[in-house]
């Protein structure tokens, strides 16, 4: 399985039915996995990343389940801040996934290069960067746990392209345990 497929399987285990977002060049692997999982999970296209964050917030408020949104690197991540910040300050569980540039492009001045973790730390309960495909299951479990326990709030996870496109070798028991 590819990392994006593991991510989608984990979302299905948490009974996620809807993901709000805007596709970008860094998120193609994720969209292929979402497409393959249809109709169990569907993507709702937002007009822009700001809307995706607010849509996830509204969904969480109405469904009493965490709202899930995704956006690509660069300006997409920047635009998603208002919705995520609103959810967090209102104690609404929203989980944002950002797809990031290739690890090989870090520090080379790529036009969409931003430090996503630092960008979201002030407006979320927790912000993480996931470089290892094998850590997807445990990190997604942590994201749901942090977003929904104690005082609920927003969580952010950044996935570089290699993590979404990379091969997962942990076996199905690693993916589906403890959800």
N, C-alpha and C. Protein backbone atom coordinates (compact mmCIF):
# COMPACT_ATOMS: atom_id res chain seq x y z
N UNK A 1 0.84 -1.19 0.00
CA UNK A 1 0.00 0.00 0.00
C UNK A 1 0.88 1.24 0.00
N UNK A 2 0.39 2.27 -0.66
CA UNK A 2 1.06 3.56 -0.63
C UNK A 2 0.62 4.32 0.63
N UNK A 3 1.42 5.28 1.04
CA UNK A 3 1.12 6.05 2.23
C UNK A 3 -0.26 6.70 2.17
N UNK A 4 -0.63 7.24 1.03
CA UNK A 4 -1.95 7.88 0.89
C UNK A 4 -3.07 6.86 1.08
N UNK A 5 -2.88 5.64 0.63
CA UNK A 5 -3.88 4.60 0.81
C UNK A 5 -4.02 4.23 2.28
N UNK A 6 -2.90 4.19 2.99
CA UNK A 6 -2.94 3.92 4.43
C UNK A 6 -3.69 5.04 5.15
N UNK A 7 -3.41 6.28 4.77
CA UNK A 7 -4.11 7.42 5.37
C UNK A 7 -5.61 7.30 5.16
N UNK A 8 -6.04 7.01 3.95
CA UNK A 8 -7.47 6.89 3.66
C UNK A 8 -8.07 5.71 4.42
N UNK A 9 -7.36 4.58 4.51
CA UNK A 9 -7.86 3.45 5.29
C UNK A 9 -8.03 3.82 6.76
N UNK A 10 -7.10 4.58 7.30
CA UNK A 10 -7.23 5.02 8.68
C UNK A 10 -8.45 5.92 8.84
N UNK A 11 -8.68 6.81 7.89
CA UNK A 11 -9.86 7.68 7.95
C UNK A 11 -11.13 6.85 7.91
N UNK A 12 -11.15 5.82 7.08
CA UNK A 12 -12.32 4.95 7.02
C UNK A 12 -12.53 4.22 8.35
N UNK A 13 -11.45 3.81 9.00
CA UNK A 13 -11.56 3.16 10.30
C UNK A 13 -12.17 4.11 11.34
N UNK A 14 -11.92 5.39 11.19
CA UNK A 14 -12.51 6.38 12.08
C UNK A 14 -13.87 6.85 11.58
N UNK A 15 -14.41 6.15 10.60
CA UNK A 15 -15.74 6.41 10.04
C UNK A 15 -15.88 7.80 9.43
N UNK A 16 -14.78 8.28 8.86
CA UNK A 16 -14.82 9.56 8.14
C UNK A 16 -15.53 9.31 6.81
N UNK A 17 -16.51 10.13 6.53
CA UNK A 17 -17.28 9.99 5.30
C UNK A 17 -16.99 11.09 4.28
N UNK A 18 -16.49 12.23 4.77
CA UNK A 18 -16.32 13.41 3.92
C UNK A 18 -14.98 14.07 4.22
N UNK A 19 -14.30 14.49 3.16
CA UNK A 19 -13.09 15.30 3.27
C UNK A 19 -13.32 16.55 2.42
N UNK A 20 -13.08 17.70 3.00
CA UNK A 20 -13.23 18.96 2.29
C UNK A 20 -11.85 19.45 1.86
N UNK A 21 -11.74 19.98 0.66
CA UNK A 21 -10.43 20.45 0.26
C UNK A 21 -10.33 20.93 -1.17
N UNK A 22 -9.08 21.21 -1.53
CA UNK A 22 -8.73 21.69 -2.86
C UNK A 22 -7.50 20.90 -3.31
N UNK A 23 -7.59 20.21 -4.43
CA UNK A 23 -6.42 19.44 -4.88
C UNK A 23 -5.29 20.35 -5.36
N UNK A 24 -4.09 19.81 -5.23
CA UNK A 24 -2.91 20.51 -5.71
C UNK A 24 -1.91 19.50 -6.21
N UNK A 25 -0.83 19.98 -6.79
CA UNK A 25 0.15 19.06 -7.35
C UNK A 25 0.81 18.19 -6.28
N UNK A 26 0.88 18.66 -5.04
CA UNK A 26 1.50 17.86 -3.98
C UNK A 26 0.55 16.83 -3.38
N UNK A 27 -0.73 16.89 -3.73
CA UNK A 27 -1.71 15.98 -3.12
C UNK A 27 -2.28 14.94 -4.10
N UNK A 28 -1.65 14.75 -5.23
CA UNK A 28 -2.20 13.81 -6.22
C UNK A 28 -2.33 12.39 -5.69
N UNK A 29 -1.35 11.91 -4.94
CA UNK A 29 -1.44 10.55 -4.39
C UNK A 29 -2.63 10.41 -3.45
N UNK A 30 -2.90 11.44 -2.66
CA UNK A 30 -4.05 11.41 -1.75
C UNK A 30 -5.35 11.36 -2.53
N UNK A 31 -5.45 12.13 -3.60
CA UNK A 31 -6.69 12.13 -4.39
C UNK A 31 -6.92 10.80 -5.10
N UNK A 32 -5.86 10.15 -5.52
CA UNK A 32 -6.01 8.82 -6.11
C UNK A 32 -6.56 7.84 -5.08
N UNK A 33 -6.07 7.92 -3.86
CA UNK A 33 -6.54 7.03 -2.78
C UNK A 33 -7.99 7.33 -2.42
N UNK A 34 -8.36 8.59 -2.37
CA UNK A 34 -9.76 8.96 -2.09
C UNK A 34 -10.67 8.45 -3.20
N UNK A 35 -10.23 8.63 -4.45
CA UNK A 35 -11.01 8.15 -5.59
C UNK A 35 -11.23 6.64 -5.51
N UNK A 36 -10.18 5.91 -5.17
CA UNK A 36 -10.27 4.45 -5.07
C UNK A 36 -11.17 4.00 -3.93
N UNK A 37 -11.33 4.82 -2.90
CA UNK A 37 -12.15 4.46 -1.74
C UNK A 37 -13.62 4.84 -1.90
N UNK A 38 -13.96 5.53 -2.97
CA UNK A 38 -15.35 5.93 -3.19
C UNK A 38 -16.21 4.68 -3.36
N UNK A 39 -17.43 4.67 -2.91
CA UNK A 39 -18.22 5.75 -2.29
C UNK A 39 -18.13 5.78 -0.77
N UNK A 40 -17.25 4.99 -0.17
CA UNK A 40 -17.16 4.98 1.30
C UNK A 40 -16.74 6.33 1.86
N UNK A 41 -15.93 7.02 1.10
CA UNK A 41 -15.47 8.34 1.51
C UNK A 41 -15.55 9.23 0.29
N UNK A 42 -15.98 10.46 0.50
CA UNK A 42 -16.08 11.35 -0.66
C UNK A 42 -15.38 12.66 -0.38
N UNK A 43 -14.96 13.25 -1.44
CA UNK A 43 -14.29 14.54 -1.37
C UNK A 43 -15.27 15.62 -1.80
N UNK A 44 -15.35 16.68 -1.01
CA UNK A 44 -16.17 17.83 -1.38
C UNK A 44 -15.20 18.95 -1.75
N UNK A 45 -15.25 19.33 -3.00
CA UNK A 45 -14.36 20.36 -3.52
C UNK A 45 -14.79 21.73 -3.02
N UNK A 46 -13.87 22.41 -2.41
CA UNK A 46 -14.11 23.78 -1.95
C UNK A 46 -13.63 24.74 -3.02
N UNK A 47 -14.17 25.93 -3.00
CA UNK A 47 -13.74 26.94 -3.97
C UNK A 47 -12.30 27.36 -3.70
N UNK A 48 -11.96 27.44 -2.43
CA UNK A 48 -10.57 27.71 -2.04
C UNK A 48 -10.33 27.10 -0.66
N UNK A 49 -9.08 27.15 -0.21
CA UNK A 49 -8.70 26.50 1.03
C UNK A 49 -9.36 27.15 2.26
N UNK A 50 -9.62 28.43 2.19
CA UNK A 50 -10.34 29.08 3.30
C UNK A 50 -11.69 28.42 3.50
N UNK A 51 -12.38 28.22 2.40
CA UNK A 51 -13.70 27.59 2.47
C UNK A 51 -13.62 26.17 3.01
N UNK A 52 -12.58 25.42 2.62
CA UNK A 52 -12.45 24.03 3.08
C UNK A 52 -12.35 23.96 4.60
N UNK A 53 -11.58 24.85 5.20
CA UNK A 53 -11.46 24.88 6.66
C UNK A 53 -12.77 25.20 7.34
N UNK A 54 -13.49 26.18 6.82
CA UNK A 54 -14.77 26.54 7.41
C UNK A 54 -15.83 25.45 7.17
N UNK A 55 -15.75 24.77 6.02
CA UNK A 55 -16.67 23.66 5.75
C UNK A 55 -16.44 22.52 6.75
N UNK A 56 -15.18 22.20 7.01
CA UNK A 56 -14.86 21.15 7.99
C UNK A 56 -15.35 21.55 9.38
N UNK A 57 -15.19 22.82 9.73
CA UNK A 57 -15.67 23.33 11.01
C UNK A 57 -17.19 23.16 11.10
N UNK A 58 -17.91 23.61 10.08
CA UNK A 58 -19.38 23.49 10.10
C UNK A 58 -19.82 22.04 10.15
N UNK A 59 -19.15 21.18 9.39
CA UNK A 59 -19.48 19.75 9.41
C UNK A 59 -19.31 19.18 10.82
N UNK A 60 -18.21 19.52 11.48
CA UNK A 60 -17.96 19.02 12.84
C UNK A 60 -19.02 19.52 13.81
N UNK A 61 -19.42 20.77 13.68
CA UNK A 61 -20.44 21.33 14.58
C UNK A 61 -21.79 20.63 14.39
N UNK A 62 -22.11 20.29 13.15
CA UNK A 62 -23.42 19.70 12.86
C UNK A 62 -23.46 18.19 13.06
N UNK A 63 -22.34 17.52 12.86
CA UNK A 63 -22.32 16.05 12.91
C UNK A 63 -21.81 15.49 14.24
N UNK A 64 -21.20 16.33 15.05
CA UNK A 64 -20.54 15.88 16.29
C UNK A 64 -19.44 14.87 16.00
N UNK A 65 -18.82 14.97 14.84
CA UNK A 65 -17.66 14.16 14.47
C UNK A 65 -16.57 15.13 14.01
N UNK A 66 -15.31 14.73 14.08
CA UNK A 66 -14.26 15.64 13.59
C UNK A 66 -14.45 15.98 12.12
N UNK A 67 -14.25 17.23 11.78
CA UNK A 67 -14.26 17.66 10.40
C UNK A 67 -12.87 17.49 9.82
N UNK A 68 -12.80 16.97 8.60
CA UNK A 68 -11.52 16.69 7.96
C UNK A 68 -11.38 17.57 6.73
N UNK A 69 -10.23 18.23 6.62
CA UNK A 69 -9.96 19.02 5.42
C UNK A 69 -8.50 18.82 5.02
N UNK A 70 -8.24 19.12 3.77
CA UNK A 70 -6.88 18.98 3.24
C UNK A 70 -6.61 20.12 2.28
N UNK A 71 -5.33 20.44 2.17
CA UNK A 71 -4.93 21.46 1.21
C UNK A 71 -3.49 21.23 0.80
N UNK A 72 -3.12 21.75 -0.36
CA UNK A 72 -1.73 21.60 -0.82
C UNK A 72 -0.80 22.60 -0.16
N UNK A 73 0.46 22.47 -0.48
CA UNK A 73 1.50 23.31 0.12
C UNK A 73 1.40 24.76 -0.35
N UNK A 74 2.21 25.59 0.28
CA UNK A 74 2.31 27.00 -0.12
C UNK A 74 1.11 27.81 0.28
N UNK A 75 0.59 28.56 -0.67
CA UNK A 75 -0.54 29.45 -0.39
C UNK A 75 -1.75 28.68 0.10
N UNK A 76 -1.92 27.43 -0.34
CA UNK A 76 -3.03 26.62 0.14
C UNK A 76 -3.01 26.48 1.64
N UNK A 77 -1.84 26.22 2.19
CA UNK A 77 -1.71 26.11 3.64
C UNK A 77 -2.01 27.45 4.31
N UNK A 78 -1.48 28.52 3.75
CA UNK A 78 -1.73 29.85 4.31
C UNK A 78 -3.21 30.18 4.33
N UNK A 79 -3.91 29.89 3.24
CA UNK A 79 -5.32 30.23 3.14
C UNK A 79 -6.18 29.43 4.11
N UNK A 80 -5.72 28.27 4.55
CA UNK A 80 -6.54 27.44 5.44
C UNK A 80 -6.46 27.89 6.90
N UNK A 81 -5.59 28.80 7.22
CA UNK A 81 -5.42 29.22 8.62
C UNK A 81 -6.70 29.77 9.25
N UNK A 82 -7.46 30.66 8.61
CA UNK A 82 -8.63 31.22 9.31
C UNK A 82 -9.64 30.16 9.78
N UNK A 83 -9.96 29.20 8.95
CA UNK A 83 -10.93 28.17 9.34
C UNK A 83 -10.41 27.29 10.46
N UNK A 84 -9.15 26.93 10.38
CA UNK A 84 -8.54 26.09 11.40
C UNK A 84 -8.44 26.86 12.72
N UNK A 85 -8.04 28.11 12.66
CA UNK A 85 -7.93 28.94 13.87
C UNK A 85 -9.29 29.12 14.53
N UNK A 86 -10.32 29.34 13.72
CA UNK A 86 -11.68 29.49 14.26
C UNK A 86 -12.13 28.21 14.94
N UNK A 87 -11.91 27.07 14.31
CA UNK A 87 -12.30 25.79 14.91
C UNK A 87 -11.57 25.58 16.23
N UNK A 88 -10.29 25.85 16.25
CA UNK A 88 -9.51 25.63 17.46
C UNK A 88 -9.97 26.55 18.60
N UNK A 89 -10.18 27.83 18.29
CA UNK A 89 -10.59 28.76 19.36
C UNK A 89 -12.01 28.49 19.83
N UNK A 90 -12.81 27.81 19.01
CA UNK A 90 -14.18 27.45 19.39
C UNK A 90 -14.28 26.03 19.93
N UNK A 91 -13.15 25.36 20.10
CA UNK A 91 -13.10 23.98 20.61
C UNK A 91 -13.88 23.01 19.73
N UNK A 92 -13.66 23.12 18.43
CA UNK A 92 -14.28 22.24 17.45
C UNK A 92 -13.21 21.32 16.89
N UNK A 93 -13.42 20.00 16.91
CA UNK A 93 -12.40 19.08 16.39
C UNK A 93 -12.33 19.09 14.87
N UNK A 94 -11.29 19.68 14.35
CA UNK A 94 -11.02 19.71 12.91
C UNK A 94 -9.61 19.18 12.71
N UNK A 95 -9.45 18.32 11.72
CA UNK A 95 -8.13 17.80 11.39
C UNK A 95 -7.79 18.24 9.98
N UNK A 96 -6.70 18.97 9.86
CA UNK A 96 -6.22 19.46 8.57
C UNK A 96 -5.00 18.66 8.15
N UNK A 97 -5.04 18.15 6.93
CA UNK A 97 -3.88 17.51 6.32
C UNK A 97 -3.35 18.44 5.25
N UNK A 98 -2.06 18.75 5.31
CA UNK A 98 -1.45 19.50 4.22
C UNK A 98 -0.44 18.60 3.53
N UNK A 99 -0.49 18.61 2.22
CA UNK A 99 0.53 17.89 1.46
C UNK A 99 1.65 18.89 1.19
N UNK A 100 2.86 18.44 1.35
CA UNK A 100 4.00 19.34 1.30
C UNK A 100 4.90 18.99 0.12
N UNK A 101 5.83 19.87 -0.17
CA UNK A 101 6.78 19.64 -1.25
C UNK A 101 7.64 18.42 -0.95
N UNK A 102 8.33 17.97 -1.93
CA UNK A 102 9.24 16.84 -1.79
C UNK A 102 10.34 17.18 -0.79
N UNK A 103 10.74 16.19 -0.01
CA UNK A 103 11.84 16.39 0.94
C UNK A 103 13.12 16.82 0.22
N UNK A 104 13.29 16.35 -1.01
CA UNK A 104 14.47 16.71 -1.80
C UNK A 104 14.49 18.20 -2.15
N UNK A 105 13.33 18.85 -2.13
CA UNK A 105 13.25 20.27 -2.46
C UNK A 105 13.35 21.19 -1.25
N UNK A 106 13.44 20.61 -0.05
CA UNK A 106 13.56 21.43 1.15
C UNK A 106 14.83 22.29 1.08
N UNK A 107 14.67 23.56 1.42
CA UNK A 107 15.81 24.47 1.45
C UNK A 107 16.31 24.92 0.10
N UNK A 108 15.60 24.61 -0.95
CA UNK A 108 16.04 24.98 -2.30
C UNK A 108 15.23 26.12 -2.90
N UNK A 109 14.40 26.74 -2.09
CA UNK A 109 13.64 27.90 -2.57
C UNK A 109 12.45 27.54 -3.44
N UNK A 110 11.89 26.36 -3.25
CA UNK A 110 10.69 25.99 -4.01
C UNK A 110 9.59 27.01 -3.73
N UNK A 111 8.85 27.36 -4.76
CA UNK A 111 7.87 28.44 -4.65
C UNK A 111 6.79 28.16 -3.60
N UNK A 112 6.47 26.90 -3.35
CA UNK A 112 5.44 26.59 -2.36
C UNK A 112 6.01 26.09 -1.04
N UNK A 113 7.29 26.29 -0.82
CA UNK A 113 7.93 25.82 0.41
C UNK A 113 7.60 26.73 1.59
N UNK A 114 7.00 26.14 2.61
CA UNK A 114 6.72 26.81 3.87
C UNK A 114 6.91 25.80 4.99
N UNK A 115 7.24 26.26 6.16
CA UNK A 115 7.31 25.38 7.32
C UNK A 115 5.90 25.24 7.88
N UNK A 116 5.20 24.21 7.43
CA UNK A 116 3.80 24.02 7.82
C UNK A 116 3.63 23.84 9.32
N UNK A 117 4.54 23.13 9.96
CA UNK A 117 4.41 22.89 11.40
C UNK A 117 4.44 24.20 12.16
N UNK A 118 5.42 25.04 11.88
CA UNK A 118 5.51 26.34 12.57
C UNK A 118 4.33 27.23 12.22
N UNK A 119 3.85 27.14 11.00
CA UNK A 119 2.72 27.95 10.55
C UNK A 119 1.47 27.65 11.37
N UNK A 120 1.24 26.37 11.69
CA UNK A 120 0.00 25.97 12.37
C UNK A 120 0.12 25.83 13.88
N UNK A 121 1.33 25.82 14.42
CA UNK A 121 1.48 25.67 15.88
C UNK A 121 0.68 26.70 16.68
N UNK A 122 0.66 27.98 16.30
CA UNK A 122 -0.07 28.96 17.11
C UNK A 122 -1.59 28.83 17.05
N UNK A 123 -2.12 28.13 16.03
CA UNK A 123 -3.58 28.10 15.84
C UNK A 123 -4.17 26.69 15.98
N UNK A 124 -3.39 25.72 16.47
CA UNK A 124 -3.89 24.36 16.65
C UNK A 124 -3.47 23.82 18.01
N UNK A 125 -4.12 22.72 18.41
CA UNK A 125 -3.69 22.01 19.62
C UNK A 125 -2.37 21.30 19.38
N UNK A 126 -2.18 20.84 18.15
CA UNK A 126 -0.96 20.10 17.81
C UNK A 126 -0.74 20.18 16.30
N UNK A 127 0.50 20.36 15.91
CA UNK A 127 0.88 20.40 14.50
C UNK A 127 2.08 19.49 14.31
N UNK A 128 2.00 18.58 13.33
CA UNK A 128 3.07 17.62 13.12
C UNK A 128 3.46 17.47 11.67
N UNK A 129 4.65 16.94 11.46
CA UNK A 129 5.21 16.70 10.12
C UNK A 129 5.59 15.23 10.06
N UNK A 130 5.08 14.52 9.10
CA UNK A 130 5.25 13.08 9.04
C UNK A 130 6.13 12.67 7.87
N UNK A 131 7.38 12.36 8.15
CA UNK A 131 8.34 11.99 7.10
C UNK A 131 8.36 10.49 6.82
N UNK A 132 7.89 9.66 7.74
CA UNK A 132 8.00 8.21 7.59
C UNK A 132 6.64 7.58 7.32
N UNK A 133 6.55 6.87 6.21
CA UNK A 133 5.31 6.19 5.83
C UNK A 133 4.85 5.25 6.93
N UNK A 134 5.78 4.55 7.56
CA UNK A 134 5.44 3.54 8.58
C UNK A 134 4.77 4.16 9.81
N UNK A 135 4.91 5.46 9.99
CA UNK A 135 4.34 6.12 11.17
C UNK A 135 2.94 6.68 10.92
N UNK A 136 2.40 6.50 9.72
CA UNK A 136 1.08 7.05 9.42
C UNK A 136 0.02 6.55 10.40
N UNK A 137 -0.12 5.24 10.63
CA UNK A 137 -1.20 4.79 11.54
C UNK A 137 -1.13 5.41 12.93
N UNK A 138 0.02 5.36 13.56
CA UNK A 138 0.12 5.89 14.93
C UNK A 138 -0.06 7.40 14.96
N UNK A 139 0.38 8.10 13.92
CA UNK A 139 0.26 9.55 13.90
C UNK A 139 -1.18 9.98 13.64
N UNK A 140 -1.89 9.26 12.79
CA UNK A 140 -3.30 9.57 12.55
C UNK A 140 -4.11 9.29 13.82
N UNK A 141 -3.80 8.19 14.50
CA UNK A 141 -4.48 7.92 15.78
C UNK A 141 -4.24 9.07 16.76
N UNK A 142 -3.00 9.55 16.81
CA UNK A 142 -2.69 10.67 17.71
C UNK A 142 -3.47 11.91 17.30
N UNK A 143 -3.56 12.18 16.02
CA UNK A 143 -4.30 13.36 15.56
C UNK A 143 -5.75 13.31 16.00
N UNK A 144 -6.40 12.17 15.85
CA UNK A 144 -7.80 12.05 16.28
C UNK A 144 -7.91 12.17 17.80
N UNK A 145 -6.99 11.55 18.51
CA UNK A 145 -7.02 11.61 19.98
C UNK A 145 -6.85 13.05 20.46
N UNK A 146 -5.88 13.76 19.92
CA UNK A 146 -5.63 15.15 20.36
C UNK A 146 -6.82 16.04 19.99
N UNK A 147 -7.38 15.86 18.80
CA UNK A 147 -8.49 16.71 18.35
C UNK A 147 -9.76 16.51 19.17
N UNK A 148 -9.96 15.30 19.70
CA UNK A 148 -11.26 14.98 20.30
C UNK A 148 -11.24 14.82 21.82
N UNK A 149 -10.08 14.74 22.45
CA UNK A 149 -10.06 14.54 23.90
C UNK A 149 -9.71 15.83 24.63
N UNK A 150 -10.05 15.84 25.93
CA UNK A 150 -9.85 17.06 26.69
C UNK A 150 -10.70 18.16 26.08
N UNK A 151 -10.14 19.32 25.96
CA UNK A 151 -10.82 20.41 25.25
C UNK A 151 -10.59 20.18 23.76
N UNK A 152 -11.67 19.87 23.00
CA UNK A 152 -11.48 19.59 21.56
C UNK A 152 -10.86 20.79 20.84
N UNK A 153 -10.31 20.51 19.69
CA UNK A 153 -9.72 21.59 18.92
C UNK A 153 -9.17 21.10 17.59
N UNK A 154 -8.46 21.97 16.92
CA UNK A 154 -7.91 21.69 15.59
C UNK A 154 -6.53 21.06 15.70
N UNK A 155 -6.25 20.19 14.75
CA UNK A 155 -4.97 19.49 14.65
C UNK A 155 -4.51 19.61 13.20
N UNK A 156 -3.21 19.68 13.01
CA UNK A 156 -2.65 19.76 11.66
C UNK A 156 -1.58 18.70 11.48
N UNK A 157 -1.59 18.04 10.32
CA UNK A 157 -0.54 17.09 9.94
C UNK A 157 -0.06 17.41 8.54
N UNK A 158 1.24 17.57 8.37
CA UNK A 158 1.84 17.81 7.06
C UNK A 158 2.48 16.52 6.55
N UNK A 159 2.23 16.22 5.29
CA UNK A 159 2.77 15.03 4.64
C UNK A 159 3.59 15.45 3.42
N UNK A 160 4.90 15.23 3.43
CA UNK A 160 5.65 15.49 2.20
C UNK A 160 5.24 14.49 1.13
N UNK A 161 5.49 14.82 -0.11
CA UNK A 161 5.08 13.95 -1.22
C UNK A 161 5.58 12.52 -1.06
N UNK A 162 6.80 12.35 -0.55
CA UNK A 162 7.35 11.00 -0.40
C UNK A 162 6.54 10.15 0.58
N UNK A 163 5.98 10.77 1.60
CA UNK A 163 5.19 10.02 2.58
C UNK A 163 3.88 9.56 1.97
N UNK A 164 3.24 10.40 1.19
CA UNK A 164 1.98 10.02 0.56
C UNK A 164 2.18 8.99 -0.55
N UNK A 165 3.28 9.10 -1.29
CA UNK A 165 3.52 8.21 -2.43
C UNK A 165 4.35 6.98 -2.07
N UNK A 166 4.99 6.99 -0.91
CA UNK A 166 5.87 5.90 -0.52
C UNK A 166 5.14 4.62 -0.16
N UNK A 167 5.86 3.51 -0.21
CA UNK A 167 5.29 2.20 0.10
C UNK A 167 5.27 1.97 1.61
N UNK A 168 4.14 1.45 2.08
CA UNK A 168 3.96 1.10 3.48
C UNK A 168 4.19 -0.40 3.63
N UNK A 169 5.03 -0.79 4.58
CA UNK A 169 5.36 -2.20 4.76
C UNK A 169 4.97 -2.71 6.13
N UNK A 170 4.12 -1.99 6.85
CA UNK A 170 3.78 -2.36 8.22
C UNK A 170 2.75 -3.45 8.36
N UNK A 171 2.08 -3.83 7.28
CA UNK A 171 1.05 -4.86 7.37
C UNK A 171 -0.28 -4.30 7.85
N UNK A 172 -1.35 -5.00 7.57
CA UNK A 172 -2.69 -4.51 7.90
C UNK A 172 -2.92 -4.42 9.41
N UNK A 173 -2.25 -5.28 10.20
CA UNK A 173 -2.44 -5.21 11.65
C UNK A 173 -1.94 -3.87 12.20
N UNK A 174 -0.94 -3.29 11.60
CA UNK A 174 -0.42 -2.00 12.06
C UNK A 174 -1.38 -0.88 11.68
N UNK A 175 -2.10 -1.05 10.58
CA UNK A 175 -3.01 -0.01 10.12
C UNK A 175 -4.28 0.00 10.96
N UNK A 176 -4.85 -1.14 11.22
CA UNK A 176 -6.20 -1.18 11.77
C UNK A 176 -6.27 -1.39 13.27
N UNK A 177 -5.17 -1.47 13.96
CA UNK A 177 -5.24 -1.67 15.41
C UNK A 177 -5.46 -0.37 16.14
N UNK A 178 -6.13 -0.45 17.27
CA UNK A 178 -6.34 0.65 18.21
C UNK A 178 -7.21 1.79 17.70
N UNK A 179 -8.01 1.61 16.69
CA UNK A 179 -8.89 2.70 16.26
C UNK A 179 -10.20 2.65 17.00
